[in-house]
PDB file of N, CA and C in Angstrom:
ATOM      1  N   MET A   1      -9.140  -5.345 -10.174  1.00  0.00           N
ATOM      2  CA  MET A   1      -7.755  -4.401 -11.007  1.00  0.00           C
ATOM      3  C   MET A   1      -6.483  -5.471 -10.373  1.00  0.00           C
ATOM      4  N   THR A   2      -5.438  -5.683 -11.307  1.00  0.00           N
ATOM      5  CA  THR A   2      -4.494  -6.436 -11.560  1.00  0.00           C
ATOM      6  C   THR A   2      -3.679  -6.049 -10.670  1.00  0.00           C
ATOM      7  N   PHE A   3      -3.061  -6.496  -9.712  1.00  0.00           N
ATOM      8  CA  PHE A   3      -2.033  -6.546  -9.213  1.00  0.00           C
ATOM      9  C   PHE A   3      -0.803  -7.947  -9.527  1.00  0.00           C
ATOM     10  N   LYS A   4       0.172  -7.384  -8.553  1.00  0.00           N
ATOM     11  CA  LYS A   4       1.541  -8.386  -9.216  1.00  0.00           C
ATOM     12  C   LYS A   4       1.606  -9.111  -7.546  1.00  0.00           C
ATOM     13  N   LEU A   5       1.791 -10.436  -7.486  1.00  0.00           N
ATOM     14  CA  LEU A   5       2.120 -10.885  -6.029  1.00  0.00           C
ATOM     15  C   LEU A   5       3.777 -11.498  -6.608  1.00  0.00           C
ATOM     16  N   THR A   6       4.654 -10.856  -5.696  1.00  0.00           N
ATOM     17  CA  THR A   6       5.501 -11.348  -5.919  1.00  0.00           C
ATOM     18  C   THR A   6       6.349 -12.249  -4.902  1.00  0.00           C
ATOM     19  N   THR A   7       7.103 -13.145  -4.772  1.00  0.00           N
ATOM     20  CA  THR A   7       7.862 -13.976  -3.853  1.00  0.00           C
ATOM     21  C   THR A   7       9.366 -13.651  -3.548  1.00  0.00           C
ATOM     22  N   TYR A   8       9.886 -13.406  -2.660  1.00  0.00           N
ATOM     23  CA  TYR A   8      11.186 -12.962  -2.833  1.00  0.00           C
ATOM     24  C   TYR A   8      12.065 -13.813  -1.821  1.00  0.00           C
ATOM     25  N   LYS A   9      13.031 -14.401  -2.660  1.00  0.00           N
ATOM     26  CA  LYS A   9      14.172 -14.890  -1.359  1.00  0.00           C
ATOM     27  C   LYS A   9      15.063 -14.523  -0.429  1.00  0.00           C
ATOM     28  N   THR A  10      14.974 -13.911   0.545  1.00  0.00           N
ATOM     29  CA  THR A  10      16.008 -13.222   1.200  1.00  0.00           C
ATOM     30  C   THR A  10      16.612 -14.128   2.345  1.00  0.00           C
ATOM     31  N   LEU A  11      17.729 -13.354   2.967  1.00  0.00           N
ATOM     32  CA  LEU A  11      18.572 -13.654   3.876  1.00  0.00           C
ATOM     33  C   LEU A  11      17.666 -14.710   5.206  1.00  0.00           C
ATOM     34  N   THR A  12      16.446 -13.915   5.275  1.00  0.00           N
ATOM     35  CA  THR A  12      15.761 -14.605   6.222  1.00  0.00           C
ATOM     36  C   THR A  12      14.352 -16.049   6.008  1.00  0.00           C
ATOM     37  N   GLY A  13      14.698 -15.946   5.067  1.00  0.00           N
ATOM     38  CA  GLY A  13      13.899 -16.608   4.078  1.00  0.00           C
ATOM     39  C   GLY A  13      12.999 -16.056   3.412  1.00  0.00           C
ATOM     40  N   LYS A  14      11.737 -17.102   2.646  1.00  0.00           N
ATOM     41  CA  LYS A  14      10.891 -16.225   1.465  1.00  0.00           C
ATOM     42  C   LYS A  14       9.597 -14.997   2.118  1.00  0.00           C
ATOM     43  N   LYS A  15       9.259 -14.023   0.967  1.00  0.00           N
ATOM     44  CA  LYS A  15       8.041 -12.934   1.516  1.00  0.00           C
ATOM     45  C   LYS A  15       7.898 -12.617   0.564  1.00  0.00           C
ATOM     46  N   GLU A  16       6.264 -12.803   0.557  1.00  0.00           N
ATOM     47  CA  GLU A  16       5.193 -12.374  -0.430  1.00  0.00           C
ATOM     48  C   GLU A  16       5.018 -11.620  -0.623  1.00  0.00           C
ATOM     49  N   ILE A  17       5.445 -10.503  -1.515  1.00  0.00           N
ATOM     50  CA  ILE A  17       4.435  -9.286  -1.206  1.00  0.00           C
ATOM     51  C   ILE A  17       3.669  -8.557  -2.212  1.00  0.00           C
ATOM     52  N   LEU A  18       2.876  -8.306  -2.149  1.00  0.00           N
ATOM     53  CA  LEU A  18       1.924  -7.238  -3.123  1.00  0.00           C
ATOM     54  C   LEU A  18       1.780  -6.795  -3.626  1.00  0.00           C
ATOM     55  N   GLU A  19       2.210  -6.321  -5.074  1.00  0.00           N
ATOM     56  CA  GLU A  19       2.442  -5.231  -5.222  1.00  0.00           C
ATOM     57  C   GLU A  19       1.501  -4.791  -6.715  1.00  0.00           C
ATOM     58  N   THR A  20       1.377  -3.240  -6.827  1.00  0.00           N
ATOM     59  CA  THR A  20       1.109  -2.930  -8.128  1.00  0.00           C
ATOM     60  C   THR A  20       1.508  -3.158  -9.162  1.00  0.00           C
ATOM     61  N   SER A  21       1.043  -3.041 -10.839  1.00  0.00           N
ATOM     62  CA  SER A  21       1.471  -3.683 -11.544  1.00  0.00           C
ATOM     63  C   SER A  21       2.617  -2.698 -12.275  1.00  0.00           C
ATOM     64  N   ILE A  22       2.408  -1.070 -11.984  1.00  0.00           N
ATOM     65  CA  ILE A  22       3.032  -0.321 -12.486  1.00  0.00           C
ATOM     66  C   ILE A  22       3.724   0.931 -11.199  1.00  0.00           C
ATOM     67  N   ASN A  23       5.280   0.388 -10.566  1.00  0.00           N
ATOM     68  CA  ASN A  23       5.539   1.080  -9.378  1.00  0.00           C
ATOM     69  C   ASN A  23       4.906   2.490  -9.090  1.00  0.00           C
ATOM     70  N   LYS A  24       4.030   3.056  -8.799  1.00  0.00           N
ATOM     71  CA  LYS A  24       3.813   4.424  -8.780  1.00  0.00           C
ATOM     72  C   LYS A  24       3.920   4.569  -7.333  1.00  0.00           C
ATOM     73  N   SER A  25       4.842   5.839  -7.070  1.00  0.00           N
ATOM     74  CA  SER A  25       4.718   6.435  -5.654  1.00  0.00           C
ATOM     75  C   SER A  25       3.289   7.569  -5.355  1.00  0.00           C
ATOM     76  N   THR A  26       2.344   7.558  -6.178  1.00  0.00           N
ATOM     77  CA  THR A  26       1.057   8.195  -5.834  1.00  0.00           C
ATOM     78  C   THR A  26       0.236   6.718  -5.411  1.00  0.00           C
ATOM     79  N   GLU A  27       0.293   5.508  -5.462  1.00  0.00           N
ATOM     80  CA  GLU A  27      -0.091   4.224  -5.491  1.00  0.00           C
ATOM     81  C   GLU A  27       0.322   3.506  -4.411  1.00  0.00           C
ATOM     82  N   ALA A  28      -0.637   2.575  -3.657  1.00  0.00           N
ATOM     83  CA  ALA A  28      -0.298   1.982  -2.491  1.00  0.00           C
ATOM     84  C   ALA A  28      -1.025   0.949  -2.463  1.00  0.00           C
ATOM     85  N   ILE A  29      -0.697  -0.329  -1.865  1.00  0.00           N
ATOM     86  CA  ILE A  29      -1.215  -1.195  -1.270  1.00  0.00           C
ATOM     87  C   ILE A  29      -1.298  -1.222   0.232  1.00  0.00           C
ATOM     88  N   VAL A  30      -2.000  -1.007   1.282  1.00  0.00           N
ATOM     89  CA  VAL A  30      -2.260  -1.101   2.643  1.00  0.00           C
ATOM     90  C   VAL A  30      -2.707  -2.425   2.971  1.00  0.00           C
ATOM     91  N   TYR A  31      -1.516  -3.175   4.149  1.00  0.00           N
ATOM     92  CA  TYR A  31      -1.479  -3.860   5.060  1.00  0.00           C
ATOM     93  C   TYR A  31      -1.991  -3.482   6.327  1.00  0.00           C
ATOM     94  N   LYS A  32      -3.200  -4.097   6.682  1.00  0.00           N
ATOM     95  CA  LYS A  32      -3.649  -4.471   7.487  1.00  0.00           C
ATOM     96  C   LYS A  32      -3.254  -5.322   8.231  1.00  0.00           C
ATOM     97  N   ASP A  33      -3.243  -5.808   9.776  1.00  0.00           N
ATOM     98  CA  ASP A  33      -2.152  -6.704  10.136  1.00  0.00           C
ATOM     99  C   ASP A  33      -1.461  -7.704   9.154  1.00  0.00           C
ATOM    100  N   ASN A  34      -1.004  -7.158   8.338  1.00  0.00           N
ATOM    101  CA  ASN A  34      -0.066  -8.141   7.679  1.00  0.00           C
ATOM    102  C   ASN A  34      -0.524  -9.196   6.468  1.00  0.00           C
ATOM    103  N   GLU A  35      -1.919  -8.470   5.991  1.00  0.00           N
ATOM    104  CA  GLU A  35      -3.092  -8.602   5.040  1.00  0.00           C
ATOM    105  C   GLU A  35      -3.313  -7.837   4.083  1.00  0.00           C
ATOM    106  N   PRO A  36      -3.022  -7.835   2.854  1.00  0.00           N
ATOM    107  CA  PRO A  36      -3.287  -6.645   1.492  1.00  0.00           C
ATOM    108  C   PRO A  36      -4.375  -6.628   1.984  1.00  0.00           C
ATOM    109  N   SER A  37      -4.981  -5.402   2.480  1.00  0.00           N
ATOM    110  CA  SER A  37      -6.429  -4.647   2.873  1.00  0.00           C
ATOM    111  C   SER A  37      -7.458  -3.632   2.370  1.00  0.00           C
ATOM    112  N   PHE A  38      -6.297  -2.828   1.565  1.00  0.00           N
ATOM    113  CA  PHE A  38      -6.934  -1.686   1.092  1.00  0.00           C
ATOM    114  C   PHE A  38      -5.821  -0.853  -0.611  1.00  0.00           C
ATOM    115  N   PHE A  39      -6.219  -0.695  -1.138  1.00  0.00           N
ATOM    116  CA  PHE A  39      -5.378   0.127  -1.948  1.00  0.00           C
ATOM    117  C   PHE A  39      -6.156   1.930  -2.190  1.00  0.00           C
ATOM    118  N   VAL A  40      -4.943   2.656  -2.031  1.00  0.00           N
ATOM    119  CA  VAL A  40      -4.973   3.966  -2.408  1.00  0.00           C
ATOM    120  C   VAL A  40      -4.319   4.166  -3.723  1.00  0.00           C
ATOM    121  N   ASP A  41      -4.986   5.455  -3.877  1.00  0.00           N
ATOM    122  CA  ASP A  41      -4.192   5.756  -5.757  1.00  0.00           C
ATOM    123  C   ASP A  41      -4.445   7.317  -5.192  1.00  0.00           C
ATOM    124  N   CYS A  42      -3.453   8.220  -5.236  1.00  0.00           N
ATOM    125  CA  CYS A  42      -3.859   9.553  -4.800  1.00  0.00           C
ATOM    126  C   CYS A  42      -4.002  10.746  -5.969  1.00  0.00           C
ATOM    127  N   PHE A  43      -4.612   9.702  -7.401  1.00  0.00           N
ATOM    128  CA  PHE A  43      -4.752  10.396  -8.420  1.00  0.00           C
ATOM    129  C   PHE A  43      -6.391   9.801  -8.684  1.00  0.00           C
ATOM    130  N   ASP A  44      -7.297   9.139  -8.021  1.00  0.00           N
ATOM    131  CA  ASP A  44      -8.691   8.897  -8.149  1.00  0.00           C
ATOM    132  C   ASP A  44      -9.574   9.444  -7.489  1.00  0.00           C
ATOM    133  N   LEU A  45      -9.506  10.838  -7.858  1.00  0.00           N
ATOM    134  CA  LEU A  45     -10.502  12.127  -7.234  1.00  0.00           C
ATOM    135  C   LEU A  45     -12.010  11.569  -7.377  1.00  0.00           C
ATOM    136  N   ALA A  46     -12.229  10.661  -7.645  1.00  0.00           N
ATOM    137  CA  ALA A  46     -13.889   9.907  -7.558  1.00  0.00           C
ATOM    138  C   ALA A  46     -13.903   9.102  -6.392  1.00  0.00           C
ATOM    139  N   THR A  47     -13.211   8.971  -5.174  1.00  0.00           N
ATOM    140  CA  THR A  47     -13.133   8.607  -4.084  1.00  0.00           C
ATOM    141  C   THR A  47     -12.791   9.332  -3.106  1.00  0.00           C
ATOM    142  N   ASP A  48     -13.533   9.424  -2.404  1.00  0.00           N
ATOM    143  CA  ASP A  48     -13.175  10.341  -1.513  1.00  0.00           C
ATOM    144  C   ASP A  48     -11.698  10.684  -0.410  1.00  0.00           C
ATOM    145  N   SER A  49     -11.700   9.209   0.327  1.00  0.00           N
ATOM    146  CA  SER A  49     -10.726   8.473   1.073  1.00  0.00           C
ATOM    147  C   SER A  49      -9.455   8.761  -0.089  1.00  0.00           C
ATOM    148  N   ASN A  50      -9.723   8.872  -1.746  1.00  0.00           N
ATOM    149  CA  ASN A  50      -8.274   9.375  -2.128  1.00  0.00           C
ATOM    150  C   ASN A  50      -8.113  10.483  -2.289  1.00  0.00           C
ATOM    151  N   VAL A  51      -9.170  11.414  -2.297  1.00  0.00           N
ATOM    152  CA  VAL A  51      -9.491  12.585  -2.674  1.00  0.00           C
ATOM    153  C   VAL A  51      -8.424  13.213  -1.105  1.00  0.00           C
ATOM    154  N   GLU A  52      -8.466  13.072   0.359  1.00  0.00           N
ATOM    155  CA  GLU A  52      -8.067  13.039   1.170  1.00  0.00           C
ATOM    156  C   GLU A  52      -6.639  12.665   1.794  1.00  0.00           C
ATOM    157  N   MET A  53      -6.684  11.625   0.924  1.00  0.00           N
ATOM    158  CA  MET A  53      -5.113  11.124   0.471  1.00  0.00           C
ATOM    159  C   MET A  53      -4.159  12.158  -0.144  1.00  0.00           C
ATOM    160  N   ASN A  54      -5.116  12.217  -1.111  1.00  0.00           N
ATOM    161  CA  ASN A  54      -3.506  13.090  -2.406  1.00  0.00           C
ATOM    162  C   ASN A  54      -4.082  14.947  -1.437  1.00  0.00           C
ATOM    163  N   HIS A  55      -4.606  15.115  -0.742  1.00  0.00           N
ATOM    164  CA  HIS A  55      -4.163  15.743   0.436  1.00  0.00           C
ATOM    165  C   HIS A  55      -3.287  15.667   0.942  1.00  0.00           C
ATOM    166  N   LEU A  56      -3.142  14.957   2.026  1.00  0.00           N
ATOM    167  CA  LEU A  56      -1.662  14.324   3.158  1.00  0.00           C
ATOM    168  C   LEU A  56      -0.899  14.150   2.525  1.00  0.00           C
ATOM    169  N   VAL A  57      -0.771  13.827   1.141  1.00  0.00           N
ATOM    170  CA  VAL A  57       0.383  13.379   0.610  1.00  0.00           C
ATOM    171  C   VAL A  57       1.434  14.123  -0.452  1.00  0.00           C
ATOM    172  N   LEU A  58       0.686  14.367  -1.564  1.00  0.00           N
ATOM    173  CA  LEU A  58       0.833  15.390  -2.309  1.00  0.00           C
ATOM    174  C   LEU A  58       0.592  16.614  -2.495  1.00  0.00           C
ATOM    175  N   CYS A  59      -0.319  17.056  -1.500  1.00  0.00           N
ATOM    176  CA  CYS A  59      -0.039  18.363  -1.185  1.00  0.00           C
ATOM    177  C   CYS A  59       0.672  19.453   0.408  1.00  0.00           C
ATOM    178  N   GLN A  60       0.970  18.150   1.189  1.00  0.00           N
ATOM    179  CA  GLN A  60       1.481  18.114   2.236  1.00  0.00           C
ATOM    180  C   GLN A  60       3.061  17.995   1.653  1.00  0.00           C
ATOM    181  N   GLN A  61       3.571  17.582   0.722  1.00  0.00           N
ATOM    182  CA  GLN A  61       4.827  16.994   0.191  1.00  0.00           C
ATOM    183  C   GLN A  61       4.934  16.046   1.483  1.00  0.00           C
ATOM    184  N   ARG A  62       4.474  15.068   1.876  1.00  0.00           N
ATOM    185  CA  ARG A  62       4.883  13.624   2.562  1.00  0.00           C
ATOM    186  C   ARG A  62       4.828  12.770   2.075  1.00  0.00           C
ATOM    187  N   SER A  63       5.493  11.292   2.682  1.00  0.00           N
ATOM    188  CA  SER A  63       5.288  10.405   2.116  1.00  0.00           C
ATOM    189  C   SER A  63       4.606   9.113   2.153  1.00  0.00           C
ATOM    190  N   MET A  64       3.780   8.657   1.428  1.00  0.00           N
ATOM    191  CA  MET A  64       2.847   7.759   1.394  1.00  0.00           C
ATOM    192  C   MET A  64       3.031   6.848   2.690  1.00  0.00           C
ATOM    193  N   LYS A  65       4.209   6.056   2.896  1.00  0.00           N
ATOM    194  CA  LYS A  65       4.158   5.595   3.870  1.00  0.00           C
ATOM    195  C   LYS A  65       4.099   6.370   5.595  1.00  0.00           C
ATOM    196  N   THR A  66       4.550   7.738   5.612  1.00  0.00           N
ATOM    197  CA  THR A  66       4.504   8.603   6.598  1.00  0.00           C
ATOM    198  C   THR A  66       3.419   8.321   6.896  1.00  0.00           C
ATOM    199  N   VAL A  67       2.222   8.981   5.940  1.00  0.00           N
ATOM    200  CA  VAL A  67       1.070   8.887   6.175  1.00  0.00           C
ATOM    201  C   VAL A  67       0.701   8.129   6.654  1.00  0.00           C
ATOM    202  N   ILE A  68       0.342   6.642   5.557  1.00  0.00           N
ATOM    203  CA  ILE A  68       0.003   5.369   6.557  1.00  0.00           C
ATOM    204  C   ILE A  68       0.269   4.960   8.354  1.00  0.00           C
ATOM    205  N   LYS A  69       1.480   5.061   8.390  1.00  0.00           N
ATOM    206  CA  LYS A  69       1.873   4.944   9.463  1.00  0.00           C
ATOM    207  C   LYS A  69       1.048   5.767  10.598  1.00  0.00           C
ATOM    208  N   GLU A  70       0.817   7.374  10.169  1.00  0.00           N
ATOM    209  CA  GLU A  70      -0.038   7.968  11.347  1.00  0.00           C
ATOM    210  C   GLU A  70      -1.323   7.616  11.398  1.00  0.00           C
ATOM    211  N   ILE A  71      -1.479   7.695  10.401  1.00  0.00           N
ATOM    212  CA  ILE A  71      -3.279   6.775  10.529  1.00  0.00           C
ATOM    213  C   ILE A  71      -3.296   5.741  11.169  1.00  0.00           C
ATOM    214  N   GLY A  72      -2.723   4.359  10.917  1.00  0.00           N
ATOM    215  CA  GLY A  72      -2.822   3.864  11.848  1.00  0.00           C
ATOM    216  C   GLY A  72      -2.219   3.340  13.397  1.00  0.00           C
ATOM    217  N   GLU A  73      -1.621   4.578  13.664  1.00  0.00           N
ATOM    218  CA  GLU A  73      -1.071   5.039  15.275  1.00  0.00           C
ATOM    219  C   GLU A  73      -2.394   5.509  15.662  1.00  0.00           C
ATOM    220  N   LYS A  74      -3.167   7.140  14.732  1.00  0.00           N
ATOM    221  CA  LYS A  74      -4.362   7.434  15.781  1.00  0.00           C
ATOM    222  C   LYS A  74      -5.268   7.085  15.049  1.00  0.00           C
ATOM    223  N   ASN A  75      -5.218   5.490  14.682  1.00  0.00           N
ATOM    224  CA  ASN A  75      -6.749   4.473  15.106  1.00  0.00           C
ATOM    225  C   ASN A  75      -6.768   3.164  15.832  1.00  0.00           C
ATOM    226  N   ASN A  76      -5.074   3.213  16.254  1.00  0.00           N
ATOM    227  CA  ASN A  76      -5.025   2.267  17.155  1.00  0.00           C
ATOM    228  C   ASN A  76      -5.452   0.699  15.628  1.00  0.00           C
ATOM    229  N   VAL A  77      -4.841   1.076  14.743  1.00  0.00           N
ATOM    230  CA  VAL A  77      -4.410  -0.422  14.196  1.00  0.00           C
ATOM    231  C   VAL A  77      -3.537  -0.642  13.241  1.00  0.00           C
ATOM    232  N   ASN A  78      -3.010  -2.047  12.852  1.00  0.00           N
ATOM    233  CA  ASN A  78      -1.753  -1.881  12.408  1.00  0.00           C
ATOM    234  C   ASN A  78      -1.425  -1.837  11.522  1.00  0.00           C
ATOM    235  N   LEU A  79      -1.285  -0.581   9.923  1.00  0.00           N
ATOM    236  CA  LEU A  79      -1.102  -0.667   8.827  1.00  0.00           C
ATOM    237  C   LEU A  79       0.156  -0.456   8.575  1.00  0.00           C
ATOM    238  N   SER A  80       0.368  -0.916   6.956  1.00  0.00           N
ATOM    239  CA  SER A  80       1.842  -0.844   6.649  1.00  0.00           C
ATOM    240  C   SER A  80       1.546  -0.708   5.087  1.00  0.00           C
ATOM    241  N   VAL A  81       3.149  -0.717   4.825  1.00  0.00           N
ATOM    242  CA  VAL A  81       3.022   0.006   3.733  1.00  0.00           C
ATOM    243  C   VAL A  81       4.758  -1.174   3.171  1.00  0.00           C
ATOM    244  N   LYS A  82       4.139  -2.050   2.152  1.00  0.00           N
ATOM    245  CA  LYS A  82       5.500  -2.885   2.179  1.00  0.00           C
ATOM    246  C   LYS A  82       5.842  -3.188   0.751  1.00  0.00           C
ATOM    247  N   GLU A  83       7.137  -2.934   0.854  1.00  0.00           N
ATOM    248  CA  GLU A  83       8.515  -2.745   0.050  1.00  0.00           C
ATOM    249  C   GLU A  83       8.830  -4.033  -0.355  1.00  0.00           C
ATOM    250  N   ALA A  84       9.868  -3.915  -1.510  1.00  0.00           N
ATOM    251  CA  ALA A  84      10.542  -5.156  -1.928  1.00  0.00           C
ATOM    252  C   ALA A  84      11.494  -5.099  -0.788  1.00  0.00           C
ATOM    253  N   PRO A  85      12.139  -6.144  -0.478  1.00  0.00           N
ATOM    254  CA  PRO A  85      13.578  -6.182   0.802  1.00  0.00           C
ATOM    255  C   PRO A  85      14.475  -5.833   0.190  1.00  0.00           C
ATOM    256  N   LEU A  86      15.335  -5.171   0.702  1.00  0.00           N
ATOM    257  CA  LEU A  86      16.573  -4.808   0.107  1.00  0.00           C
ATOM    258  C   LEU A  86      17.317  -5.579  -0.671  1.00  0.00           C
ATOM    259  N   PHE A  87      17.995  -7.042   0.172  1.00  0.00           N
ATOM    260  CA  PHE A  87      18.808  -7.985  -0.455  1.00  0.00           C
ATOM    261  C   PHE A  87      18.199  -8.845  -0.338  1.00  0.00           C
ATOM    262  N   SER A  88      17.983  -9.360  -1.416  1.00  0.00           N
ATOM    263  CA  SER A  88      16.640 -10.012  -1.802  1.00  0.00           C
ATOM    264  C   SER A  88      16.831 -10.572  -3.308  1.00  0.00           C
ATOM    265  N   ILE A  89      16.430 -11.648  -3.655  1.00  0.00           N
ATOM    266  CA  ILE A  89      16.427 -12.297  -4.935  1.00  0.00           C
ATOM    267  C   ILE A  89      14.801 -12.483  -5.730  1.00  0.00           C
ATOM    268  N   ASN A  90      14.422 -11.531  -6.789  1.00  0.00           N
ATOM    269  CA  ASN A  90      12.950 -12.118  -7.155  1.00  0.00           C
ATOM    270  C   ASN A  90      12.847 -13.006  -7.632  1.00  0.00           C
ATOM    271  N   LYS A  91      11.979 -14.019  -6.957  1.00  0.00           N
ATOM    272  CA  LYS A  91      11.988 -15.892  -7.369  1.00  0.00           C
ATOM    273  C   LYS A  91      10.578 -15.901  -8.180  1.00  0.00           C
ATOM    274  N   LYS A  92      10.094 -15.233  -8.242  1.00  0.00           N
ATOM    275  CA  LYS A  92       8.738 -15.586  -9.242  1.00  0.00           C
ATOM    276  C   LYS A  92       7.959 -13.952  -8.645  1.00  0.00           C
ATOM    277  N   SER A  93       6.898 -13.793  -9.978  1.00  0.00           N
ATOM    278  CA  SER A  93       5.422 -12.803 -10.064  1.00  0.00           C
ATOM    279  C   SER A  93       4.491 -13.645 -10.787  1.00  0.00           C
ATOM    280  N   VAL A  94       3.659 -13.366 -10.170  1.00  0.00           N
ATOM    281  CA  VAL A  94       2.759 -13.966 -10.523  1.00  0.00           C
ATOM    282  C   VAL A  94       1.200 -12.755 -10.695  1.00  0.00           C
ATOM    283  N   LYS A  95       0.702 -12.570 -11.811  1.00  0.00           N
ATOM    284  CA  LYS A  95      -0.351 -11.694 -12.000  1.00  0.00           C
ATOM    285  C   LYS A  95      -2.155 -11.637 -10.685  1.00  0.00           C
ATOM    286  N   THR A  96      -2.477 -11.146 -10.130  1.00  0.00           N
ATOM    287  CA  THR A  96      -3.513 -11.607  -9.593  1.00  0.00           C
ATOM    288  C   THR A  96      -4.264 -10.468  -9.824  1.00  0.00           C
ATOM    289  N   GLU A  97      -5.818 -10.983 -10.150  1.00  0.00           N
ATOM    290  CA  GLU A  97      -6.999  -9.910  -9.530  1.00  0.00           C
ATOM    291  C   GLU A  97      -7.593  -9.811  -7.930  1.00  0.00           C
ATOM    292  N   LEU A  98      -7.255  -8.956  -7.869  1.00  0.00           N
ATOM    293  CA  LEU A  98      -8.342  -8.419  -6.430  1.00  0.00           C
ATOM    294  C   LEU A  98      -8.804  -7.535  -6.342  1.00  0.00           C
ATOM    295  N   GLU A  99      -9.908  -7.371  -5.654  1.00  0.00           N
ATOM    296  CA  GLU A  99     -10.497  -5.817  -5.562  1.00  0.00           C
ATOM    297  C   GLU A  99     -10.708  -5.687  -3.914  1.00  0.00           C
ATOM    298  N   LEU A 100      -9.413  -4.318  -4.278  1.00  0.00           N
ATOM    299  CA  LEU A 100      -9.538  -3.889  -2.773  1.00  0.00           C
ATOM    300  C   LEU A 100      -9.833  -2.298  -2.262  1.00  0.00           C
ATOM    301  N   PRO A 101     -10.605  -2.631  -1.384  1.00  0.00           N
ATOM    302  CA  PRO A 101     -11.055  -0.828  -0.825  1.00  0.00           C
ATOM    303  C   PRO A 101     -10.419   0.051  -0.837  1.00  0.00           C
ATOM    304  N   PRO A 102     -10.977   1.446  -0.894  1.00  0.00           N
ATOM    305  CA  PRO A 102      -9.720   2.595  -0.290  1.00  0.00           C
ATOM    306  C   PRO A 102     -10.094   2.530   1.225  1.00  0.00           C
ATOM    307  N   LEU A 103      -8.985   3.651   2.335  1.00  0.00           N
ATOM    308  CA  LEU A 103      -8.895   3.298   3.040  1.00  0.00           C
ATOM    309  C   LEU A 103     -10.297   4.160   3.519  1.00  0.00           C
ATOM    310  N   PRO A 104     -10.974   3.738   4.788  1.00  0.00           N
ATOM    311  CA  PRO A 104     -12.068   3.823   5.563  1.00  0.00           C
ATOM    312  C   PRO A 104     -12.146   5.641   5.682  1.00  0.00           C
ATOM    313  N   LEU A 105     -13.204   6.327   5.132  1.00  0.00           N
ATOM    314  CA  LEU A 105     -13.067   7.672   4.895  1.00  0.00           C
ATOM    315  C   LEU A 105     -12.820   7.890   6.685  1.00  0.00           C
ATOM    316  N   GLU A 106     -13.387   7.688   7.762  1.00  0.00           N
ATOM    317  CA  GLU A 106     -13.386   7.710   9.035  1.00  0.00           C
ATOM    318  C   GLU A 106     -12.519   8.032   9.484  1.00  0.00           C
ATOM    319  N   TRP A 107     -11.085   7.202   9.038  1.00  0.00           N
ATOM    320  CA  TRP A 107      -9.681   7.167   9.375  1.00  0.00           C
ATOM    321  C   TRP A 107      -8.972   8.442   9.374  1.00  0.00           C
ATOM    322  N   LEU A 108      -9.300   8.743   8.240  1.00  0.00           N
ATOM    323  CA  LEU A 108      -8.449   9.661   7.606  1.00  0.00           C
ATOM    324  C   LEU A 108      -9.035  11.619   7.946  1.00  0.00           C
ATOM    325  N   ASN A 109     -10.490  11.484   8.998  1.00  0.00           N
ATOM    326  CA  ASN A 109     -10.750  12.656   9.631  1.00  0.00           C
ATOM    327  C   ASN A 109     -10.035  12.679  11.013  1.00  0.00           C
TER     328      ASN A 109
END
């Protein structure tokens, strides 16, 4: 899948964030220990973990960040969803081909 690796210049230095090509609230790149590790798409109903995320996010009307944070706390894993810094300058974006797996189903149960 094609993602966008964007470098932002902030007050604290440079930050690189892997983002989806089209910004959708139903898709997220999940970072594990500050490394992009998983891709969640709530409308990909062919994958069991994405169906479960659909239920947790859309059916319960909760934010993706909140659900990911709770999953991380429940499984003692450092999970996060990164966004562009509030005060930043978009320095450059590069398209990147990367295959990220969905979240492990056992974390969602």
